[in-house]
Amino acid sequence: NLIRTSLQALEDDGLVTTAAGEGRRLSDDGEAFLSEVAADVFEDLDRPELERYA
């Protein structure tokens, strides 16, 4: 129930879409949001060994 409710909330926000016969997919807005969050997290990390991924 938790996963279904979470996915429905993501759909309501336009971050996930339902593809006929394929289930749910990340929308363009959802992908952009995740990329932004990942960049923010990466920026806050203090791990020199990850610098090559910047």
PDB file of N, CA and C in Angstrom:
ATOM      1  N   ASN A   1       0.815  -1.195   0.000  1.00  0.00           N
ATOM      2  CA  ASN A   1       0.000   0.000   0.000  1.00  0.00           C
ATOM      3  C   ASN A   1       0.862   1.264   0.000  1.00  0.00           C
ATOM      4  N   LEU A   2       1.968   1.229   0.707  1.00  0.00           N
ATOM      5  CA  LEU A   2       2.857   2.391   0.771  1.00  0.00           C
ATOM      6  C   LEU A   2       3.432   2.721  -0.606  1.00  0.00           C
ATOM      7  N   ILE A   3       3.861   1.698  -1.326  1.00  0.00           N
ATOM      8  CA  ILE A   3       4.446   1.922  -2.651  1.00  0.00           C
ATOM      9  C   ILE A   3       3.389   2.455  -3.616  1.00  0.00           C
ATOM     10  N   ARG A   4       2.205   1.861  -3.581  1.00  0.00           N
ATOM     11  CA  ARG A   4       1.128   2.315  -4.470  1.00  0.00           C
ATOM     12  C   ARG A   4       0.760   3.765  -4.178  1.00  0.00           C
ATOM     13  N   THR A   5       0.633   4.106  -2.908  1.00  0.00           N
ATOM     14  CA  THR A   5       0.296   5.475  -2.517  1.00  0.00           C
ATOM     15  C   THR A   5       1.387   6.444  -2.946  1.00  0.00           C
ATOM     16  N   SER A   6       2.636   6.044  -2.780  1.00  0.00           N
ATOM     17  CA  SER A   6       3.760   6.896  -3.186  1.00  0.00           C
ATOM     18  C   SER A   6       3.755   7.121  -4.691  1.00  0.00           C
ATOM     19  N   LEU A   7       3.545   6.059  -5.461  1.00  0.00           N
ATOM     20  CA  LEU A   7       3.506   6.190  -6.917  1.00  0.00           C
ATOM     21  C   LEU A   7       2.335   7.060  -7.367  1.00  0.00           C
ATOM     22  N   GLN A   8       1.206   6.934  -6.705  1.00  0.00           N
ATOM     23  CA  GLN A   8       0.060   7.773  -7.054  1.00  0.00           C
ATOM     24  C   GLN A   8       0.360   9.242  -6.775  1.00  0.00           C
ATOM     25  N   ALA A   9       1.048   9.524  -5.672  1.00  0.00           N
ATOM     26  CA  ALA A   9       1.423  10.905  -5.358  1.00  0.00           C
ATOM     27  C   ALA A   9       2.405  11.439  -6.394  1.00  0.00           C
ATOM     28  N   LEU A  10       3.345  10.606  -6.820  1.00  0.00           N
ATOM     29  CA  LEU A  10       4.301  11.015  -7.853  1.00  0.00           C
ATOM     30  C   LEU A  10       3.584  11.273  -9.177  1.00  0.00           C
ATOM     31  N   GLU A  11       2.581  10.454  -9.484  1.00  0.00           N
ATOM     32  CA  GLU A  11       1.782  10.677 -10.696  1.00  0.00           C
ATOM     33  C   GLU A  11       1.018  11.995 -10.605  1.00  0.00           C
ATOM     34  N   ASP A  12       0.436  12.264  -9.448  1.00  0.00           N
ATOM     35  CA  ASP A  12      -0.312  13.513  -9.256  1.00  0.00           C
ATOM     36  C   ASP A  12       0.582  14.729  -9.458  1.00  0.00           C
ATOM     37  N   ASP A  13       1.854  14.597  -9.092  1.00  0.00           N
ATOM     38  CA  ASP A  13       2.811  15.702  -9.243  1.00  0.00           C
ATOM     39  C   ASP A  13       3.441  15.746 -10.629  1.00  0.00           C
ATOM     40  N   GLY A  14       3.117  14.767 -11.483  1.00  0.00           N
ATOM     41  CA  GLY A  14       3.634  14.759 -12.844  1.00  0.00           C
ATOM     42  C   GLY A  14       5.049  14.225 -12.973  1.00  0.00           C
ATOM     43  N   LEU A  15       5.541  13.539 -11.948  1.00  0.00           N
ATOM     44  CA  LEU A  15       6.903  13.011 -11.992  1.00  0.00           C
ATOM     45  C   LEU A  15       6.955  11.592 -12.549  1.00  0.00           C
ATOM     46  N   VAL A  16       5.814  10.913 -12.543  1.00  0.00           N
ATOM     47  CA  VAL A  16       5.704   9.548 -13.057  1.00  0.00           C
ATOM     48  C   VAL A  16       4.478   9.499 -13.958  1.00  0.00           C
ATOM     49  N   THR A  17       4.581   8.756 -15.055  1.00  0.00           N
ATOM     50  CA  THR A  17       3.439   8.575 -15.949  1.00  0.00           C
ATOM     51  C   THR A  17       3.135   7.090 -16.071  1.00  0.00           C
ATOM     52  N   THR A  18       1.933   6.779 -16.490  1.00  0.00           N
ATOM     53  CA  THR A  18       1.538   5.393 -16.712  1.00  0.00           C
ATOM     54  C   THR A  18       1.574   5.118 -18.206  1.00  0.00           C
ATOM     55  N   ALA A  19       2.351   4.111 -18.601  1.00  0.00           N
ATOM     56  CA  ALA A  19       2.448   3.718 -20.004  1.00  0.00           C
ATOM     57  C   ALA A  19       1.620   2.452 -20.197  1.00  0.00           C
ATOM     58  N   ALA A  20       0.710   2.481 -21.147  1.00  0.00           N
ATOM     59  CA  ALA A  20      -0.179   1.347 -21.388  1.00  0.00           C
ATOM     60  C   ALA A  20       0.618   0.073 -21.633  1.00  0.00           C
ATOM     61  N   GLY A  21       0.347  -0.939 -20.842  1.00  0.00           N
ATOM     62  CA  GLY A  21       1.000  -2.229 -20.999  1.00  0.00           C
ATOM     63  C   GLY A  21       2.430  -2.282 -20.492  1.00  0.00           C
ATOM     64  N   GLU A  22       2.955  -1.172 -20.005  1.00  0.00           N
ATOM     65  CA  GLU A  22       4.345  -1.146 -19.546  1.00  0.00           C
ATOM     66  C   GLU A  22       4.480  -0.748 -18.083  1.00  0.00           C
ATOM     67  N   GLY A  23       3.396  -0.359 -17.442  1.00  0.00           N
ATOM     68  CA  GLY A  23       3.472   0.082 -16.055  1.00  0.00           C
ATOM     69  C   GLY A  23       3.788   1.558 -15.966  1.00  0.00           C
ATOM     70  N   ARG A  24       4.473   1.927 -14.924  1.00  0.00           N
ATOM     71  CA  ARG A  24       4.790   3.342 -14.711  1.00  0.00           C
ATOM     72  C   ARG A  24       6.203   3.651 -15.166  1.00  0.00           C
ATOM     73  N   ARG A  25       6.366   4.885 -15.655  1.00  0.00           N
ATOM     74  CA  ARG A  25       7.672   5.354 -16.128  1.00  0.00           C
ATOM     75  C   ARG A  25       7.936   6.738 -15.569  1.00  0.00           C
ATOM     76  N   LEU A  26       9.191   7.057 -15.439  1.00  0.00           N
ATOM     77  CA  LEU A  26       9.601   8.380 -15.007  1.00  0.00           C
ATOM     78  C   LEU A  26       9.325   9.367 -16.135  1.00  0.00           C
ATOM     79  N   SER A  27       8.663  10.461 -15.828  1.00  0.00           N
ATOM     80  CA  SER A  27       8.384  11.477 -16.849  1.00  0.00           C
ATOM     81  C   SER A  27       9.628  12.331 -17.066  1.00  0.00           C
ATOM     82  N   ASP A  28       9.590  13.172 -18.083  1.00  0.00           N
ATOM     83  CA  ASP A  28      10.711  14.088 -18.323  1.00  0.00           C
ATOM     84  C   ASP A  28      10.929  15.001 -17.119  1.00  0.00           C
ATOM     85  N   ASP A  29       9.829  15.484 -16.537  1.00  0.00           N
ATOM     86  CA  ASP A  29       9.937  16.323 -15.340  1.00  0.00           C
ATOM     87  C   ASP A  29      10.516  15.536 -14.167  1.00  0.00           C
ATOM     88  N   GLY A  30      10.113  14.274 -14.043  1.00  0.00           N
ATOM     89  CA  GLY A  30      10.637  13.428 -12.973  1.00  0.00           C
ATOM     90  C   GLY A  30      12.122  13.178 -13.130  1.00  0.00           C
ATOM     91  N   GLU A  31      12.548  12.951 -14.360  1.00  0.00           N
ATOM     92  CA  GLU A  31      13.968  12.733 -14.625  1.00  0.00           C
ATOM     93  C   GLU A  31      14.780  13.992 -14.318  1.00  0.00           C
ATOM     94  N   ALA A  32      14.253  15.146 -14.704  1.00  0.00           N
ATOM     95  CA  ALA A  32      14.937  16.410 -14.428  1.00  0.00           C
ATOM     96  C   ALA A  32      15.032  16.650 -12.925  1.00  0.00           C
ATOM     97  N   PHE A  33      13.956  16.349 -12.207  1.00  0.00           N
ATOM     98  CA  PHE A  33      13.951  16.528 -10.756  1.00  0.00           C
ATOM     99  C   PHE A  33      14.990  15.630 -10.094  1.00  0.00           C
ATOM    100  N   LEU A  34      15.030  14.358 -10.478  1.00  0.00           N
ATOM    101  CA  LEU A  34      16.008  13.437  -9.891  1.00  0.00           C
ATOM    102  C   LEU A  34      17.434  13.851 -10.219  1.00  0.00           C
ATOM    103  N   SER A  35      17.665  14.330 -11.416  1.00  0.00           N
ATOM    104  CA  SER A  35      19.001  14.800 -11.792  1.00  0.00           C
ATOM    105  C   SER A  35      19.410  15.994 -10.939  1.00  0.00           C
ATOM    106  N   GLU A  36      18.468  16.890 -10.695  1.00  0.00           N
ATOM    107  CA  GLU A  36      18.749  18.069  -9.872  1.00  0.00           C
ATOM    108  C   GLU A  36      19.071  17.665  -8.429  1.00  0.00           C
ATOM    109  N   VAL A  37      18.285  16.747  -7.891  1.00  0.00           N
ATOM    110  CA  VAL A  37      18.520  16.283  -6.522  1.00  0.00           C
ATOM    111  C   VAL A  37      19.862  15.564  -6.428  1.00  0.00           C
ATOM    112  N   ALA A  38      20.167  14.718  -7.404  1.00  0.00           N
ATOM    113  CA  ALA A  38      21.444  14.003  -7.402  1.00  0.00           C
ATOM    114  C   ALA A  38      22.612  14.973  -7.469  1.00  0.00           C
ATOM    115  N   ALA A  39      22.495  16.007  -8.275  1.00  0.00           N
ATOM    116  CA  ALA A  39      23.564  17.003  -8.380  1.00  0.00           C
ATOM    117  C   ALA A  39      23.744  17.738  -7.057  1.00  0.00           C
ATOM    118  N   ASP A  40      22.640  18.074  -6.388  1.00  0.00           N
ATOM    119  CA  ASP A  40      22.719  18.742  -5.089  1.00  0.00           C
ATOM    120  C   ASP A  40      23.384  17.851  -4.044  1.00  0.00           C
ATOM    121  N   VAL A  41      23.015  16.581  -4.021  1.00  0.00           N
ATOM    122  CA  VAL A  41      23.610  15.645  -3.066  1.00  0.00           C
ATOM    123  C   VAL A  41      25.090  15.483  -3.361  1.00  0.00           C
ATOM    124  N   PHE A  42      25.429  15.312  -4.624  1.00  0.00           N
ATOM    125  CA  PHE A  42      26.829  15.130  -5.010  1.00  0.00           C
ATOM    126  C   PHE A  42      27.659  16.344  -4.620  1.00  0.00           C
ATOM    127  N   GLU A  43      27.084  17.523  -4.787  1.00  0.00           N
ATOM    128  CA  GLU A  43      27.780  18.762  -4.451  1.00  0.00           C
ATOM    129  C   GLU A  43      28.078  18.840  -2.949  1.00  0.00           C
ATOM    130  N   ASP A  44      27.180  18.292  -2.136  1.00  0.00           N
ATOM    131  CA  ASP A  44      27.343  18.335  -0.685  1.00  0.00           C
ATOM    132  C   ASP A  44      28.270  17.248  -0.153  1.00  0.00           C
ATOM    133  N   LEU A  45      28.588  16.259  -0.964  1.00  0.00           N
ATOM    134  CA  LEU A  45      29.478  15.187  -0.517  1.00  0.00           C
ATOM    135  C   LEU A  45      30.902  15.692  -0.390  1.00  0.00           C
ATOM    136  N   ASP A  46      31.576  15.221   0.623  1.00  0.00           N
ATOM    137  CA  ASP A  46      32.977  15.569   0.812  1.00  0.00           C
ATOM    138  C   ASP A  46      33.793  14.287   0.670  1.00  0.00           C
ATOM    139  N   ARG A  47      33.833  13.775  -0.570  1.00  0.00           N
ATOM    140  CA  ARG A  47      34.551  12.528  -0.831  1.00  0.00           C
ATOM    141  C   ARG A  47      35.414  12.713  -2.069  1.00  0.00           C
ATOM    142  N   PRO A  48      36.674  13.017  -1.861  1.00  0.00           N
ATOM    143  CA  PRO A  48      37.580  13.284  -2.986  1.00  0.00           C
ATOM    144  C   PRO A  48      37.631  12.155  -4.016  1.00  0.00           C
ATOM    145  N   GLU A  49      37.431  10.925  -3.597  1.00  0.00           N
ATOM    146  CA  GLU A  49      37.514   9.802  -4.538  1.00  0.00           C
ATOM    147  C   GLU A  49      36.388   9.825  -5.568  1.00  0.00           C
ATOM    148  N   LEU A  50      35.345  10.617  -5.338  1.00  0.00           N
ATOM    149  CA  LEU A  50      34.238  10.719  -6.285  1.00  0.00           C
ATOM    150  C   LEU A  50      34.384  11.890  -7.245  1.00  0.00           C
ATOM    151  N   GLU A  51      35.435  12.661  -7.120  1.00  0.00           N
ATOM    152  CA  GLU A  51      35.637  13.843  -7.964  1.00  0.00           C
ATOM    153  C   GLU A  51      35.654  13.502  -9.449  1.00  0.00           C
ATOM    154  N   ARG A  52      36.110  12.315  -9.804  1.00  0.00           N
ATOM    155  CA  ARG A  52      36.193  11.952 -11.224  1.00  0.00           C
ATOM    156  C   ARG A  52      34.813  11.854 -11.872  1.00  0.00           C
ATOM    157  N   TYR A  53      33.757  11.763 -11.072  1.00  0.00           N
ATOM    158  CA  TYR A  53      32.398  11.662 -11.601  1.00  0.00           C
ATOM    159  C   TYR A  53      31.718  13.022 -11.735  1.00  0.00           C
ATOM    160  N   ALA A  54      32.377  14.065 -11.312  1.00  0.00           N
ATOM    161  CA  ALA A  54      31.771  15.403 -11.338  1.00  0.00           C
ATOM    162  C   ALA A  54      31.664  15.928 -12.752  1.00  0.00           C
TER     163      ALA A  54
END
